[in-house]
Amino acid sequence: MLTVKFVYDNEHDFVKFYSADLNGAFVETFDESHYKEKKQAYKLKSACGARMTPFAAVYEGDELIKAFYTEADSNIIKSLINYLHNENINNQ
């Protein structure tokens, strides 16, 4: 089962992510601006080498499959949706 972990720091990114069709993937979100979630958000970003927010990572079990960096792509949510839909087509 795929798990998508998403780090955000503003409500606009969260709303866009929440309303996206993630093709049945399990979702974990971390608000980098909230003091209770900041440590988990930084831990996830540092494990993948990300510096900017928003950031998304796709896991299968405990193994990182793919990461989406704002440094490399200005619209990671769209790229994530395309990846999840293409991954589902390839696995059928």
N, C-alpha and C. Protein backbone atom coordinates (compact mmCIF):
# COMPACT_ATOMS: atom_id res chain seq x y z
N MET A 1 0.84 -1.18 0.00
CA MET A 1 0.00 0.00 0.00
C MET A 1 0.88 1.24 0.00
N LEU A 2 0.57 2.16 -0.86
CA LEU A 2 1.33 3.40 -0.95
C LEU A 2 0.89 4.39 0.12
N THR A 3 1.88 5.08 0.68
CA THR A 3 1.63 6.13 1.65
C THR A 3 2.24 7.41 1.12
N VAL A 4 1.46 8.47 1.11
CA VAL A 4 1.96 9.78 0.69
C VAL A 4 2.10 10.64 1.94
N LYS A 5 3.32 11.15 2.15
CA LYS A 5 3.58 12.06 3.26
C LYS A 5 3.79 13.44 2.68
N PHE A 6 3.02 14.39 3.17
CA PHE A 6 3.00 15.74 2.61
C PHE A 6 3.31 16.76 3.69
N VAL A 7 4.31 17.61 3.43
CA VAL A 7 4.69 18.68 4.35
C VAL A 7 4.28 20.01 3.72
N TYR A 8 3.57 20.82 4.48
CA TYR A 8 3.11 22.12 3.97
C TYR A 8 3.30 23.17 5.06
N ASP A 9 3.22 24.44 4.64
CA ASP A 9 3.33 25.51 5.62
C ASP A 9 2.26 26.59 5.46
N ASN A 10 1.33 26.38 4.52
CA ASN A 10 0.20 27.31 4.42
C ASN A 10 -1.06 26.54 4.02
N GLU A 11 -2.19 27.12 4.35
CA GLU A 11 -3.48 26.46 4.13
C GLU A 11 -3.80 26.26 2.66
N HIS A 12 -3.32 27.15 1.81
CA HIS A 12 -3.59 27.03 0.37
C HIS A 12 -3.03 25.71 -0.18
N ASP A 13 -1.80 25.38 0.18
CA ASP A 13 -1.20 24.12 -0.27
C ASP A 13 -1.95 22.91 0.30
N PHE A 14 -2.37 23.01 1.55
CA PHE A 14 -3.11 21.91 2.17
C PHE A 14 -4.44 21.67 1.48
N VAL A 15 -5.16 22.74 1.15
CA VAL A 15 -6.46 22.61 0.48
C VAL A 15 -6.28 21.99 -0.90
N LYS A 16 -5.27 22.44 -1.65
CA LYS A 16 -5.00 21.86 -2.96
C LYS A 16 -4.68 20.37 -2.85
N PHE A 17 -3.87 20.01 -1.86
CA PHE A 17 -3.49 18.61 -1.67
C PHE A 17 -4.69 17.78 -1.23
N TYR A 18 -5.46 18.30 -0.30
CA TYR A 18 -6.60 17.57 0.25
C TYR A 18 -7.68 17.32 -0.80
N SER A 19 -7.85 18.27 -1.72
CA SER A 19 -8.88 18.11 -2.75
C SER A 19 -8.40 17.30 -3.95
N ALA A 20 -7.14 16.92 -3.97
CA ALA A 20 -6.58 16.16 -5.10
C ALA A 20 -7.02 14.70 -5.04
N ASP A 21 -7.11 14.09 -6.21
CA ASP A 21 -7.44 12.67 -6.32
C ASP A 21 -6.13 11.88 -6.22
N LEU A 22 -5.87 11.30 -5.06
CA LEU A 22 -4.61 10.60 -4.83
C LEU A 22 -4.70 9.11 -5.08
N ASN A 23 -5.75 8.69 -5.75
CA ASN A 23 -5.86 7.33 -6.24
C ASN A 23 -5.82 6.29 -5.12
N GLY A 24 -6.43 6.59 -3.99
CA GLY A 24 -6.55 5.63 -2.90
C GLY A 24 -5.32 5.44 -2.04
N ALA A 25 -4.34 6.31 -2.15
CA ALA A 25 -3.13 6.19 -1.32
C ALA A 25 -3.43 6.66 0.10
N PHE A 26 -2.78 6.04 1.07
CA PHE A 26 -2.87 6.47 2.46
C PHE A 26 -2.11 7.78 2.59
N VAL A 27 -2.64 8.73 3.35
CA VAL A 27 -2.06 10.07 3.43
C VAL A 27 -1.69 10.45 4.85
N GLU A 28 -0.49 11.04 5.01
CA GLU A 28 -0.07 11.64 6.26
C GLU A 28 0.35 13.07 5.94
N THR A 29 -0.17 14.03 6.69
CA THR A 29 0.18 15.43 6.46
C THR A 29 0.87 16.01 7.69
N PHE A 30 1.79 16.93 7.43
CA PHE A 30 2.54 17.59 8.50
C PHE A 30 2.57 19.09 8.21
N ASP A 31 2.05 19.88 9.16
CA ASP A 31 2.05 21.34 9.04
C ASP A 31 3.33 21.87 9.67
N GLU A 32 4.21 22.38 8.83
CA GLU A 32 5.51 22.85 9.29
C GLU A 32 5.39 24.09 10.18
N SER A 33 4.31 24.82 10.09
CA SER A 33 4.14 26.02 10.90
C SER A 33 3.48 25.74 12.25
N HIS A 34 3.02 24.52 12.46
CA HIS A 34 2.38 24.15 13.73
C HIS A 34 3.44 23.54 14.65
N TYR A 35 3.52 24.04 15.87
CA TYR A 35 4.60 23.63 16.76
C TYR A 35 4.60 22.14 17.09
N LYS A 36 3.46 21.48 17.08
CA LYS A 36 3.41 20.05 17.40
C LYS A 36 3.84 19.17 16.24
N GLU A 37 3.77 19.67 15.01
CA GLU A 37 4.12 18.88 13.84
C GLU A 37 5.44 19.30 13.20
N LYS A 38 6.02 20.38 13.68
CA LYS A 38 7.24 20.92 13.08
C LYS A 38 8.39 19.92 13.12
N LYS A 39 8.57 19.22 14.22
CA LYS A 39 9.68 18.28 14.35
C LYS A 39 9.54 17.12 13.36
N GLN A 40 8.33 16.59 13.22
CA GLN A 40 8.10 15.50 12.26
C GLN A 40 8.30 15.98 10.83
N ALA A 41 7.86 17.21 10.54
CA ALA A 41 8.02 17.77 9.20
C ALA A 41 9.50 17.93 8.87
N TYR A 42 10.28 18.48 9.78
CA TYR A 42 11.71 18.65 9.54
C TYR A 42 12.43 17.30 9.41
N LYS A 43 12.00 16.33 10.20
CA LYS A 43 12.61 15.01 10.14
C LYS A 43 12.38 14.37 8.77
N LEU A 44 11.17 14.47 8.26
CA LEU A 44 10.86 13.91 6.94
C LEU A 44 11.62 14.64 5.84
N LYS A 45 11.63 15.96 5.90
CA LYS A 45 12.33 16.73 4.87
C LYS A 45 13.83 16.47 4.91
N SER A 46 14.41 16.39 6.08
CA SER A 46 15.86 16.15 6.16
C SER A 46 16.23 14.74 5.74
N ALA A 47 15.36 13.78 5.97
CA ALA A 47 15.63 12.41 5.54
C ALA A 47 15.70 12.30 4.02
N CYS A 48 14.97 13.18 3.34
CA CYS A 48 14.94 13.18 1.87
C CYS A 48 15.78 14.29 1.26
N GLY A 49 16.37 15.14 2.08
CA GLY A 49 17.22 16.21 1.57
C GLY A 49 16.45 17.40 1.02
N ALA A 50 15.22 17.61 1.45
CA ALA A 50 14.41 18.72 0.97
C ALA A 50 14.63 19.94 1.85
N ARG A 51 14.58 21.11 1.23
CA ARG A 51 14.73 22.35 1.99
C ARG A 51 13.48 23.21 1.93
N MET A 52 12.78 23.17 0.81
CA MET A 52 11.63 24.05 0.62
C MET A 52 10.32 23.29 0.87
N THR A 53 9.28 24.08 1.12
CA THR A 53 7.96 23.54 1.37
C THR A 53 7.02 24.10 0.32
N PRO A 54 6.07 23.38 -0.22
CA PRO A 54 5.62 22.04 0.14
C PRO A 54 6.55 20.95 -0.38
N PHE A 55 6.46 19.80 0.26
CA PHE A 55 7.27 18.64 -0.08
C PHE A 55 6.39 17.40 0.07
N ALA A 56 6.56 16.45 -0.84
CA ALA A 56 5.79 15.21 -0.77
C ALA A 56 6.71 14.03 -1.01
N ALA A 57 6.44 12.94 -0.30
CA ALA A 57 7.21 11.71 -0.47
C ALA A 57 6.24 10.54 -0.54
N VAL A 58 6.54 9.60 -1.42
CA VAL A 58 5.71 8.40 -1.59
C VAL A 58 6.49 7.22 -1.04
N TYR A 59 5.86 6.50 -0.14
CA TYR A 59 6.47 5.33 0.49
C TYR A 59 5.65 4.09 0.19
N GLU A 60 6.35 2.97 0.09
CA GLU A 60 5.68 1.67 0.07
C GLU A 60 6.23 0.92 1.27
N GLY A 61 5.41 0.80 2.29
CA GLY A 61 5.89 0.28 3.56
C GLY A 61 6.82 1.32 4.18
N ASP A 62 8.05 0.92 4.51
CA ASP A 62 9.04 1.85 5.06
C ASP A 62 10.03 2.33 4.01
N GLU A 63 9.87 1.92 2.78
CA GLU A 63 10.81 2.25 1.72
C GLU A 63 10.34 3.46 0.91
N LEU A 64 11.23 4.45 0.78
CA LEU A 64 10.94 5.62 -0.03
C LEU A 64 10.95 5.23 -1.50
N ILE A 65 9.86 5.53 -2.20
CA ILE A 65 9.75 5.20 -3.62
C ILE A 65 10.06 6.43 -4.47
N LYS A 66 9.48 7.58 -4.13
CA LYS A 66 9.65 8.79 -4.94
C LYS A 66 9.42 10.01 -4.06
N ALA A 67 10.20 11.05 -4.31
CA ALA A 67 10.05 12.31 -3.58
C ALA A 67 9.79 13.43 -4.57
N PHE A 68 9.01 14.40 -4.16
CA PHE A 68 8.65 15.54 -5.00
C PHE A 68 9.12 16.81 -4.30
N TYR A 69 10.08 17.48 -4.92
CA TYR A 69 10.74 18.64 -4.33
C TYR A 69 10.26 19.93 -4.97
N THR A 70 9.97 20.93 -4.16
CA THR A 70 9.62 22.25 -4.68
C THR A 70 10.83 22.88 -5.37
N GLU A 71 12.03 22.51 -4.94
CA GLU A 71 13.25 23.03 -5.55
C GLU A 71 13.33 22.67 -7.04
N ALA A 72 12.76 21.52 -7.41
CA ALA A 72 12.85 21.03 -8.78
C ALA A 72 11.57 21.24 -9.59
N ASP A 73 10.44 21.38 -8.93
CA ASP A 73 9.16 21.48 -9.62
C ASP A 73 8.27 22.46 -8.89
N SER A 74 7.71 23.42 -9.60
CA SER A 74 6.89 24.43 -8.94
C SER A 74 5.50 23.92 -8.58
N ASN A 75 5.04 22.83 -9.20
CA ASN A 75 3.71 22.29 -8.91
C ASN A 75 3.83 20.81 -8.55
N ILE A 76 4.27 20.55 -7.33
CA ILE A 76 4.50 19.16 -6.94
C ILE A 76 3.20 18.37 -6.77
N ILE A 77 2.12 19.05 -6.45
CA ILE A 77 0.85 18.34 -6.27
C ILE A 77 0.38 17.75 -7.59
N LYS A 78 0.48 18.51 -8.66
CA LYS A 78 0.12 18.01 -9.98
C LYS A 78 1.04 16.85 -10.39
N SER A 79 2.33 16.99 -10.14
CA SER A 79 3.29 15.93 -10.47
C SER A 79 3.01 14.67 -9.65
N LEU A 80 2.64 14.84 -8.39
CA LEU A 80 2.30 13.71 -7.53
C LEU A 80 1.08 12.97 -8.04
N ILE A 81 0.04 13.72 -8.43
CA ILE A 81 -1.18 13.11 -8.96
C ILE A 81 -0.87 12.32 -10.23
N ASN A 82 -0.10 12.93 -11.14
CA ASN A 82 0.27 12.24 -12.38
C ASN A 82 1.05 10.97 -12.08
N TYR A 83 1.97 11.03 -11.12
CA TYR A 83 2.76 9.85 -10.76
C TYR A 83 1.87 8.74 -10.21
N LEU A 84 0.98 9.08 -9.29
CA LEU A 84 0.12 8.06 -8.68
C LEU A 84 -0.81 7.42 -9.70
N HIS A 85 -1.34 8.20 -10.63
CA HIS A 85 -2.22 7.64 -11.65
C HIS A 85 -1.44 6.76 -12.64
N ASN A 86 -0.24 7.19 -13.03
CA ASN A 86 0.59 6.37 -13.92
C ASN A 86 1.08 5.11 -13.23
N GLU A 87 1.39 5.20 -11.95
CA GLU A 87 1.82 4.04 -11.17
C GLU A 87 0.70 3.01 -11.09
N ASN A 88 -0.54 3.47 -10.91
CA ASN A 88 -1.69 2.59 -10.84
C ASN A 88 -1.93 1.90 -12.19
N ILE A 89 -1.77 2.62 -13.28
CA ILE A 89 -1.95 2.03 -14.62
C ILE A 89 -0.89 0.99 -14.90
N ASN A 90 0.35 1.26 -14.49
CA ASN A 90 1.45 0.32 -14.73
C ASN A 90 1.32 -0.95 -13.91
N ASN A 91 0.69 -0.87 -12.75
CA ASN A 91 0.56 -2.04 -11.87
C ASN A 91 -0.64 -2.90 -12.21
N GLN A 92 -1.51 -2.46 -13.11
CA GLN A 92 -2.69 -3.25 -13.44
C GLN A 92 -2.39 -4.28 -14.48
